[in-house]
Amino acid sequence: MEKLGRRQPVHQDLHEGFNEPIVVFLTFCTNGKKPILAHDDVHTLLRESWCEADSWIVGRYVLMPDHLHLFCSPAMPQSPPLQQWVSYWKSHAARHWPKPQDAPVWQRDFWDTQLRREESYDDKWRYVVENPVRASLVARAEDWPYQDEMNALIW
């Protein structure tokens, strides 16, 4: 029997601490691990989709050919649940996808981890931003064009 949470993500309830921000690290894969994300038009579309789904805000992110990592935070105290926000922007992006032959675009589920302190945000970012280097897509992380920070997630 496989360990719980290894093959199927378990979405834990978010922990709200007194006077502490909520920052969540997310990983999404394309359906069938198709290498369809690392393109200028897709990059633009995803940024537009995240802006359209404005109940959560996106901080730093990295698009890889077949998956993406992003950090996000609720935009307001009464933001809808994370899964609802994810469903909205994934659907928006899929409906406006530049290459219809890529459908279906997304794997059904995603991985999420709530960060507990500023150091974990910085540590995770240092690891994630090096993904294109480890995949031999660029020699230096700063040369990868499919990464950015849309909003500063403040601690």
N, C-alpha and C. Protein backbone atom coordinates (compact mmCIF):
# COMPACT_ATOMS: atom_id res chain seq x y z
N MET A 1 0.84 -1.17 0.00
CA MET A 1 0.00 0.00 0.00
C MET A 1 0.89 1.25 0.00
N GLU A 2 0.55 2.20 -0.86
CA GLU A 2 1.34 3.42 -0.94
C GLU A 2 1.04 4.33 0.24
N LYS A 3 2.04 5.12 0.60
CA LYS A 3 1.85 6.07 1.69
C LYS A 3 0.87 7.15 1.26
N LEU A 4 0.03 7.54 2.19
CA LEU A 4 -0.93 8.61 1.92
C LEU A 4 -0.20 9.90 1.54
N GLY A 5 -0.71 10.59 0.53
CA GLY A 5 -0.16 11.88 0.16
C GLY A 5 0.99 11.83 -0.81
N ARG A 6 1.53 10.67 -1.13
CA ARG A 6 2.66 10.61 -2.05
C ARG A 6 2.18 10.64 -3.50
N ARG A 7 1.19 9.83 -3.86
CA ARG A 7 0.72 9.78 -5.23
C ARG A 7 -0.50 10.66 -5.43
N GLN A 8 -1.22 10.93 -4.39
CA GLN A 8 -2.43 11.75 -4.44
C GLN A 8 -2.27 12.88 -3.42
N PRO A 9 -2.25 14.12 -3.86
CA PRO A 9 -2.08 15.22 -2.90
C PRO A 9 -3.20 15.27 -1.87
N VAL A 10 -2.83 15.58 -0.66
CA VAL A 10 -3.80 15.80 0.40
C VAL A 10 -3.78 17.29 0.69
N HIS A 11 -4.88 17.97 0.43
CA HIS A 11 -4.93 19.41 0.63
C HIS A 11 -5.34 19.71 2.07
N GLN A 12 -4.36 20.13 2.86
CA GLN A 12 -4.61 20.45 4.25
C GLN A 12 -5.33 21.80 4.35
N ASP A 13 -6.12 21.97 5.39
CA ASP A 13 -6.71 23.27 5.65
C ASP A 13 -5.59 24.26 5.95
N LEU A 14 -5.77 25.49 5.52
CA LEU A 14 -4.77 26.51 5.79
C LEU A 14 -4.79 26.90 7.26
N HIS A 15 -3.63 27.08 7.79
CA HIS A 15 -3.48 27.48 9.20
C HIS A 15 -3.35 29.00 9.24
N GLU A 16 -4.25 29.63 9.95
CA GLU A 16 -4.21 31.08 10.10
C GLU A 16 -3.70 31.42 11.48
N GLY A 17 -2.49 31.97 11.54
CA GLY A 17 -1.91 32.39 12.80
C GLY A 17 -2.17 33.86 13.04
N PHE A 18 -2.14 34.26 14.28
CA PHE A 18 -2.37 35.66 14.62
C PHE A 18 -1.28 36.53 14.01
N ASN A 19 -1.70 37.49 13.21
CA ASN A 19 -0.79 38.47 12.63
C ASN A 19 0.29 37.84 11.76
N GLU A 20 0.01 36.69 11.16
CA GLU A 20 0.97 36.02 10.29
C GLU A 20 0.36 35.89 8.90
N PRO A 21 1.16 36.08 7.87
CA PRO A 21 0.63 35.95 6.51
C PRO A 21 0.40 34.48 6.16
N ILE A 22 -0.43 34.26 5.17
CA ILE A 22 -0.60 32.92 4.60
C ILE A 22 0.09 32.93 3.25
N VAL A 23 1.11 32.11 3.10
CA VAL A 23 1.81 31.94 1.83
C VAL A 23 1.82 30.45 1.53
N VAL A 24 1.38 30.12 0.32
CA VAL A 24 1.27 28.72 -0.09
C VAL A 24 2.14 28.50 -1.31
N PHE A 25 2.88 27.40 -1.30
CA PHE A 25 3.72 26.98 -2.42
C PHE A 25 2.95 25.91 -3.19
N LEU A 26 2.78 26.12 -4.49
CA LEU A 26 1.99 25.22 -5.32
C LEU A 26 2.81 24.67 -6.48
N THR A 27 2.51 23.44 -6.87
CA THR A 27 3.11 22.83 -8.05
C THR A 27 1.99 22.23 -8.89
N PHE A 28 2.00 22.54 -10.18
CA PHE A 28 1.01 22.05 -11.14
C PHE A 28 1.74 21.37 -12.29
N CYS A 29 1.18 20.26 -12.76
CA CYS A 29 1.74 19.57 -13.92
C CYS A 29 0.75 19.61 -15.07
N THR A 30 1.30 19.56 -16.26
CA THR A 30 0.43 19.46 -17.43
C THR A 30 -0.09 18.03 -17.55
N ASN A 31 -1.20 17.88 -18.21
CA ASN A 31 -1.77 16.55 -18.42
C ASN A 31 -0.81 15.73 -19.27
N GLY A 32 -0.45 14.57 -18.78
CA GLY A 32 0.49 13.71 -19.50
C GLY A 32 1.90 14.26 -19.53
N LYS A 33 2.18 15.25 -18.67
CA LYS A 33 3.51 15.88 -18.61
C LYS A 33 3.94 16.42 -19.98
N LYS A 34 2.98 16.93 -20.74
CA LYS A 34 3.28 17.51 -22.05
C LYS A 34 4.11 18.79 -21.85
N PRO A 35 5.15 18.99 -22.67
CA PRO A 35 6.01 20.18 -22.54
C PRO A 35 5.41 21.39 -23.26
N ILE A 36 4.35 21.97 -22.69
CA ILE A 36 3.59 23.03 -23.38
C ILE A 36 3.59 24.37 -22.65
N LEU A 37 4.29 24.49 -21.54
CA LEU A 37 4.19 25.71 -20.74
C LEU A 37 5.24 26.77 -21.05
N ALA A 38 6.44 26.38 -21.37
CA ALA A 38 7.54 27.34 -21.51
C ALA A 38 7.54 27.97 -22.90
N HIS A 39 6.53 28.83 -23.12
CA HIS A 39 6.38 29.57 -24.37
C HIS A 39 5.88 30.97 -24.03
N ASP A 40 6.26 31.95 -24.80
CA ASP A 40 5.89 33.34 -24.51
C ASP A 40 4.38 33.53 -24.43
N ASP A 41 3.62 32.97 -25.38
CA ASP A 41 2.17 33.18 -25.37
C ASP A 41 1.51 32.52 -24.16
N VAL A 42 2.00 31.37 -23.74
CA VAL A 42 1.46 30.69 -22.56
C VAL A 42 1.82 31.48 -21.30
N HIS A 43 3.04 31.96 -21.25
CA HIS A 43 3.48 32.77 -20.11
C HIS A 43 2.56 33.98 -19.94
N THR A 44 2.29 34.66 -21.02
CA THR A 44 1.40 35.82 -20.98
C THR A 44 -0.01 35.42 -20.55
N LEU A 45 -0.51 34.33 -21.10
CA LEU A 45 -1.86 33.85 -20.76
C LEU A 45 -1.96 33.51 -19.27
N LEU A 46 -0.98 32.82 -18.72
CA LEU A 46 -1.04 32.46 -17.31
C LEU A 46 -1.03 33.70 -16.42
N ARG A 47 -0.21 34.66 -16.75
CA ARG A 47 -0.20 35.91 -15.97
C ARG A 47 -1.57 36.60 -16.04
N GLU A 48 -2.17 36.62 -17.21
CA GLU A 48 -3.51 37.20 -17.36
C GLU A 48 -4.54 36.41 -16.54
N SER A 49 -4.44 35.09 -16.55
CA SER A 49 -5.37 34.25 -15.80
C SER A 49 -5.24 34.49 -14.31
N TRP A 50 -4.02 34.64 -13.81
CA TRP A 50 -3.83 34.91 -12.39
C TRP A 50 -4.37 36.28 -12.01
N CYS A 51 -4.24 37.25 -12.91
CA CYS A 51 -4.81 38.59 -12.64
C CYS A 51 -6.33 38.54 -12.66
N GLU A 52 -6.90 37.77 -13.58
CA GLU A 52 -8.35 37.62 -13.67
C GLU A 52 -8.90 36.97 -12.40
N ALA A 53 -8.19 35.99 -11.89
CA ALA A 53 -8.59 35.29 -10.66
C ALA A 53 -7.99 36.03 -9.48
N ASP A 54 -8.53 37.19 -9.18
CA ASP A 54 -7.88 38.13 -8.28
C ASP A 54 -8.16 37.93 -6.79
N SER A 55 -8.78 36.84 -6.41
CA SER A 55 -9.04 36.62 -4.98
C SER A 55 -7.80 36.11 -4.23
N TRP A 56 -6.83 35.61 -4.97
CA TRP A 56 -5.52 35.25 -4.43
C TRP A 56 -4.50 35.99 -5.29
N ILE A 57 -3.34 36.29 -4.73
CA ILE A 57 -2.30 36.96 -5.51
C ILE A 57 -1.10 36.03 -5.66
N VAL A 58 -0.47 36.13 -6.81
CA VAL A 58 0.69 35.32 -7.13
C VAL A 58 1.95 36.12 -6.83
N GLY A 59 2.86 35.47 -6.13
CA GLY A 59 4.17 36.06 -5.84
C GLY A 59 5.16 35.61 -6.91
N ARG A 60 6.18 34.91 -6.49
CA ARG A 60 7.19 34.39 -7.41
C ARG A 60 6.67 33.13 -8.09
N TYR A 61 7.15 32.89 -9.31
CA TYR A 61 6.77 31.67 -10.02
C TYR A 61 7.84 31.30 -11.04
N VAL A 62 7.85 30.03 -11.42
CA VAL A 62 8.72 29.51 -12.47
C VAL A 62 7.89 28.56 -13.32
N LEU A 63 7.88 28.81 -14.62
CA LEU A 63 7.26 27.88 -15.57
C LEU A 63 8.34 26.98 -16.12
N MET A 64 8.13 25.70 -16.05
CA MET A 64 9.00 24.73 -16.70
C MET A 64 8.22 24.19 -17.90
N PRO A 65 8.84 23.44 -18.79
CA PRO A 65 8.08 22.96 -19.95
C PRO A 65 6.82 22.16 -19.58
N ASP A 66 6.88 21.33 -18.53
CA ASP A 66 5.75 20.46 -18.22
C ASP A 66 5.14 20.68 -16.84
N HIS A 67 5.61 21.66 -16.10
CA HIS A 67 5.04 21.96 -14.79
C HIS A 67 5.36 23.40 -14.40
N LEU A 68 4.66 23.87 -13.36
CA LEU A 68 4.96 25.20 -12.87
C LEU A 68 4.91 25.21 -11.35
N HIS A 69 5.71 26.09 -10.80
CA HIS A 69 5.73 26.33 -9.35
C HIS A 69 5.34 27.78 -9.13
N LEU A 70 4.51 28.01 -8.12
CA LEU A 70 4.20 29.39 -7.77
C LEU A 70 3.91 29.51 -6.29
N PHE A 71 4.08 30.71 -5.80
CA PHE A 71 3.77 31.06 -4.42
C PHE A 71 2.59 32.02 -4.47
N CYS A 72 1.64 31.83 -3.59
CA CYS A 72 0.46 32.70 -3.60
C CYS A 72 0.00 32.98 -2.18
N SER A 73 -0.89 33.97 -2.09
CA SER A 73 -1.41 34.39 -0.81
C SER A 73 -2.82 34.93 -1.02
N PRO A 74 -3.71 34.77 -0.05
CA PRO A 74 -5.06 35.34 -0.21
C PRO A 74 -4.98 36.86 -0.40
N ALA A 75 -5.82 37.38 -1.29
CA ALA A 75 -5.82 38.82 -1.55
C ALA A 75 -6.59 39.59 -0.49
N MET A 76 -7.48 38.89 0.22
CA MET A 76 -8.30 39.55 1.24
C MET A 76 -8.63 38.53 2.33
N PRO A 77 -9.04 38.99 3.50
CA PRO A 77 -9.32 38.06 4.60
C PRO A 77 -10.37 36.99 4.26
N GLN A 78 -11.33 37.31 3.46
CA GLN A 78 -12.40 36.35 3.13
C GLN A 78 -12.25 35.78 1.73
N SER A 79 -11.03 35.53 1.29
CA SER A 79 -10.81 34.95 -0.04
C SER A 79 -11.42 33.56 -0.10
N PRO A 80 -11.88 33.15 -1.28
CA PRO A 80 -12.42 31.79 -1.42
C PRO A 80 -11.32 30.75 -1.17
N PRO A 81 -11.72 29.51 -0.96
CA PRO A 81 -10.73 28.45 -0.73
C PRO A 81 -9.73 28.34 -1.88
N LEU A 82 -8.54 27.90 -1.55
CA LEU A 82 -7.46 27.76 -2.52
C LEU A 82 -7.90 26.92 -3.72
N GLN A 83 -8.56 25.78 -3.48
CA GLN A 83 -8.96 24.89 -4.58
C GLN A 83 -9.91 25.60 -5.54
N GLN A 84 -10.76 26.45 -5.03
CA GLN A 84 -11.70 27.18 -5.89
C GLN A 84 -10.94 28.18 -6.77
N TRP A 85 -9.99 28.88 -6.19
CA TRP A 85 -9.17 29.82 -6.95
C TRP A 85 -8.38 29.10 -8.04
N VAL A 86 -7.75 27.99 -7.69
CA VAL A 86 -6.97 27.22 -8.65
C VAL A 86 -7.86 26.75 -9.80
N SER A 87 -9.01 26.21 -9.46
CA SER A 87 -9.95 25.74 -10.48
C SER A 87 -10.33 26.87 -11.45
N TYR A 88 -10.55 28.06 -10.90
CA TYR A 88 -10.95 29.19 -11.73
C TYR A 88 -9.86 29.56 -12.73
N TRP A 89 -8.62 29.78 -12.27
CA TRP A 89 -7.61 30.24 -13.21
C TRP A 89 -7.16 29.13 -14.17
N LYS A 90 -7.16 27.87 -13.71
CA LYS A 90 -6.82 26.78 -14.63
C LYS A 90 -7.86 26.68 -15.74
N SER A 91 -9.13 26.83 -15.38
CA SER A 91 -10.21 26.81 -16.38
C SER A 91 -10.09 28.00 -17.34
N HIS A 92 -9.84 29.17 -16.79
CA HIS A 92 -9.67 30.37 -17.62
C HIS A 92 -8.53 30.17 -18.62
N ALA A 93 -7.41 29.69 -18.14
CA ALA A 93 -6.26 29.47 -19.02
C ALA A 93 -6.57 28.42 -20.08
N ALA A 94 -7.21 27.33 -19.69
CA ALA A 94 -7.52 26.26 -20.65
C ALA A 94 -8.48 26.75 -21.75
N ARG A 95 -9.46 27.57 -21.36
CA ARG A 95 -10.42 28.09 -22.36
C ARG A 95 -9.77 29.03 -23.36
N HIS A 96 -8.70 29.71 -22.95
CA HIS A 96 -8.04 30.68 -23.82
C HIS A 96 -6.69 30.17 -24.34
N TRP A 97 -6.45 28.89 -24.22
CA TRP A 97 -5.15 28.31 -24.57
C TRP A 97 -4.83 28.59 -26.04
N PRO A 98 -3.58 29.02 -26.34
CA PRO A 98 -3.24 29.41 -27.71
C PRO A 98 -3.19 28.25 -28.71
N LYS A 99 -3.02 27.03 -28.23
CA LYS A 99 -2.95 25.88 -29.13
C LYS A 99 -3.99 24.84 -28.70
N PRO A 100 -5.18 24.86 -29.31
CA PRO A 100 -6.25 23.94 -28.90
C PRO A 100 -5.85 22.47 -28.93
N GLN A 101 -4.92 22.12 -29.78
CA GLN A 101 -4.49 20.71 -29.86
C GLN A 101 -3.78 20.23 -28.60
N ASP A 102 -3.40 21.15 -27.72
CA ASP A 102 -2.76 20.77 -26.45
C ASP A 102 -3.75 20.24 -25.41
N ALA A 103 -5.04 20.44 -25.65
CA ALA A 103 -6.06 20.03 -24.66
C ALA A 103 -6.07 18.51 -24.50
N PRO A 104 -6.33 18.04 -23.30
CA PRO A 104 -6.48 18.78 -22.04
C PRO A 104 -5.12 19.28 -21.55
N VAL A 105 -5.14 20.45 -20.94
CA VAL A 105 -3.90 21.12 -20.55
C VAL A 105 -3.37 20.63 -19.21
N TRP A 106 -4.23 20.56 -18.20
CA TRP A 106 -3.77 20.36 -16.82
C TRP A 106 -4.06 18.97 -16.28
N GLN A 107 -3.16 18.48 -15.41
CA GLN A 107 -3.51 17.36 -14.56
C GLN A 107 -4.61 17.84 -13.63
N ARG A 108 -5.43 16.93 -13.18
CA ARG A 108 -6.58 17.30 -12.36
C ARG A 108 -6.18 17.95 -11.04
N ASP A 109 -5.19 17.42 -10.36
CA ASP A 109 -4.87 17.91 -9.02
C ASP A 109 -3.57 18.70 -9.03
N PHE A 110 -3.12 19.10 -7.87
CA PHE A 110 -1.91 19.89 -7.70
C PHE A 110 -1.36 19.62 -6.30
N TRP A 111 -0.12 20.04 -6.09
CA TRP A 111 0.53 19.88 -4.80
C TRP A 111 0.58 21.24 -4.12
N ASP A 112 0.30 21.28 -2.84
CA ASP A 112 0.34 22.54 -2.11
C ASP A 112 0.97 22.33 -0.73
N THR A 113 1.71 23.35 -0.32
CA THR A 113 2.35 23.35 1.00
C THR A 113 2.26 24.76 1.55
N GLN A 114 1.69 24.90 2.71
CA GLN A 114 1.66 26.21 3.35
C GLN A 114 3.02 26.45 4.01
N LEU A 115 3.60 27.60 3.73
CA LEU A 115 4.89 27.95 4.32
C LEU A 115 4.66 28.54 5.71
N ARG A 116 5.56 28.28 6.61
CA ARG A 116 5.39 28.69 8.00
C ARG A 116 6.21 29.92 8.39
N ARG A 117 7.21 30.25 7.59
CA ARG A 117 8.04 31.40 7.94
C ARG A 117 8.75 31.91 6.69
N GLU A 118 9.24 33.13 6.79
CA GLU A 118 9.88 33.79 5.66
C GLU A 118 11.06 32.99 5.12
N GLU A 119 11.82 32.37 6.01
CA GLU A 119 12.99 31.62 5.56
C GLU A 119 12.60 30.48 4.63
N SER A 120 11.45 29.85 4.88
CA SER A 120 11.05 28.75 4.01
C SER A 120 10.67 29.25 2.62
N TYR A 121 10.10 30.46 2.54
CA TYR A 121 9.80 31.06 1.23
C TYR A 121 11.10 31.26 0.46
N ASP A 122 12.07 31.88 1.11
CA ASP A 122 13.35 32.13 0.46
C ASP A 122 14.06 30.83 0.09
N ASP A 123 14.05 29.85 0.99
CA ASP A 123 14.69 28.56 0.71
C ASP A 123 14.03 27.85 -0.46
N LYS A 124 12.70 27.80 -0.45
CA LYS A 124 11.98 27.14 -1.55
C LYS A 124 12.24 27.86 -2.86
N TRP A 125 12.23 29.19 -2.83
CA TRP A 125 12.48 29.96 -4.05
C TRP A 125 13.87 29.66 -4.60
N ARG A 126 14.88 29.63 -3.74
CA ARG A 126 16.25 29.33 -4.21
C ARG A 126 16.29 27.97 -4.89
N TYR A 127 15.57 27.00 -4.37
CA TYR A 127 15.53 25.67 -4.99
C TYR A 127 14.78 25.71 -6.32
N VAL A 128 13.60 26.32 -6.33
CA VAL A 128 12.74 26.34 -7.51
C VAL A 128 13.37 27.11 -8.65
N VAL A 129 13.97 28.23 -8.38
CA VAL A 129 14.53 29.06 -9.44
C VAL A 129 15.70 28.37 -10.14
N GLU A 130 16.28 27.38 -9.50
CA GLU A 130 17.38 26.62 -10.11
C GLU A 130 16.88 25.45 -10.99
N ASN A 131 15.58 25.20 -11.00
CA ASN A 131 15.04 24.09 -11.82
C ASN A 131 15.49 24.14 -13.28
N PRO A 132 15.42 25.28 -13.95
CA PRO A 132 15.85 25.31 -15.36
C PRO A 132 17.33 24.97 -15.54
N VAL A 133 18.15 25.29 -14.55
CA VAL A 133 19.58 24.95 -14.62
C VAL A 133 19.74 23.44 -14.46
N ARG A 134 19.06 22.87 -13.45
CA ARG A 134 19.15 21.42 -13.23
C ARG A 134 18.63 20.63 -14.43
N ALA A 135 17.67 21.21 -15.16
CA ALA A 135 17.11 20.54 -16.34
C ALA A 135 17.93 20.84 -17.60
N SER A 136 19.04 21.54 -17.45
CA SER A 136 19.93 21.90 -18.57
C SER A 136 19.23 22.74 -19.64
N LEU A 137 18.31 23.58 -19.22
CA LEU A 137 17.62 24.48 -20.15
C LEU A 137 18.37 25.80 -20.30
N VAL A 138 19.09 26.20 -19.26
CA VAL A 138 19.93 27.40 -19.26
C VAL A 138 21.15 27.13 -18.38
N ALA A 139 22.18 27.95 -18.57
CA ALA A 139 23.38 27.80 -17.75
C ALA A 139 23.23 28.52 -16.41
N ARG A 140 22.46 29.63 -16.41
CA ARG A 140 22.27 30.42 -15.19
C ARG A 140 20.77 30.63 -14.98
N ALA A 141 20.32 30.55 -13.75
CA ALA A 141 18.89 30.68 -13.44
C ALA A 141 18.33 32.00 -13.96
N GLU A 142 19.08 33.07 -13.86
CA GLU A 142 18.57 34.37 -14.28
C GLU A 142 18.36 34.47 -15.79
N ASP A 143 18.87 33.51 -16.55
CA ASP A 143 18.68 33.51 -18.01
C ASP A 143 17.34 32.87 -18.43
N TRP A 144 16.66 32.19 -17.51
CA TRP A 144 15.39 31.54 -17.84
C TRP A 144 14.30 32.60 -17.96
N PRO A 145 13.66 32.72 -19.13
CA PRO A 145 12.70 33.82 -19.33
C PRO A 145 11.32 33.59 -18.71
N TYR A 146 11.04 32.37 -18.24
CA TYR A 146 9.68 32.05 -17.78
C TYR A 146 9.61 32.00 -16.26
N GLN A 147 10.03 33.08 -15.64
CA GLN A 147 9.98 33.24 -14.20
C GLN A 147 9.81 34.71 -13.90
N ASP A 148 9.23 35.01 -12.76
CA ASP A 148 9.03 36.41 -12.39
C ASP A 148 8.45 36.46 -10.99
N GLU A 149 8.16 37.66 -10.56
CA GLU A 149 7.46 37.91 -9.31
C GLU A 149 6.35 38.91 -9.62
N MET A 150 5.10 38.48 -9.53
CA MET A 150 3.97 39.36 -9.85
C MET A 150 3.67 40.30 -8.68
N ASN A 151 3.77 39.80 -7.46
CA ASN A 151 3.50 40.59 -6.25
C ASN A 151 4.50 40.18 -5.19
N ALA A 152 4.93 41.16 -4.40
CA ALA A 152 5.79 40.84 -3.26
C ALA A 152 4.90 40.29 -2.14
N LEU A 153 5.15 39.07 -1.74
CA LEU A 153 4.39 38.48 -0.64
C LEU A 153 5.15 38.82 0.64
N ILE A 154 4.56 39.70 1.41
CA ILE A 154 5.22 40.29 2.58
C ILE A 154 5.01 39.43 3.82
N TRP A 155 6.09 39.28 4.59
CA TRP A 155 6.03 38.58 5.88
C TRP A 155 5.94 39.57 6.98
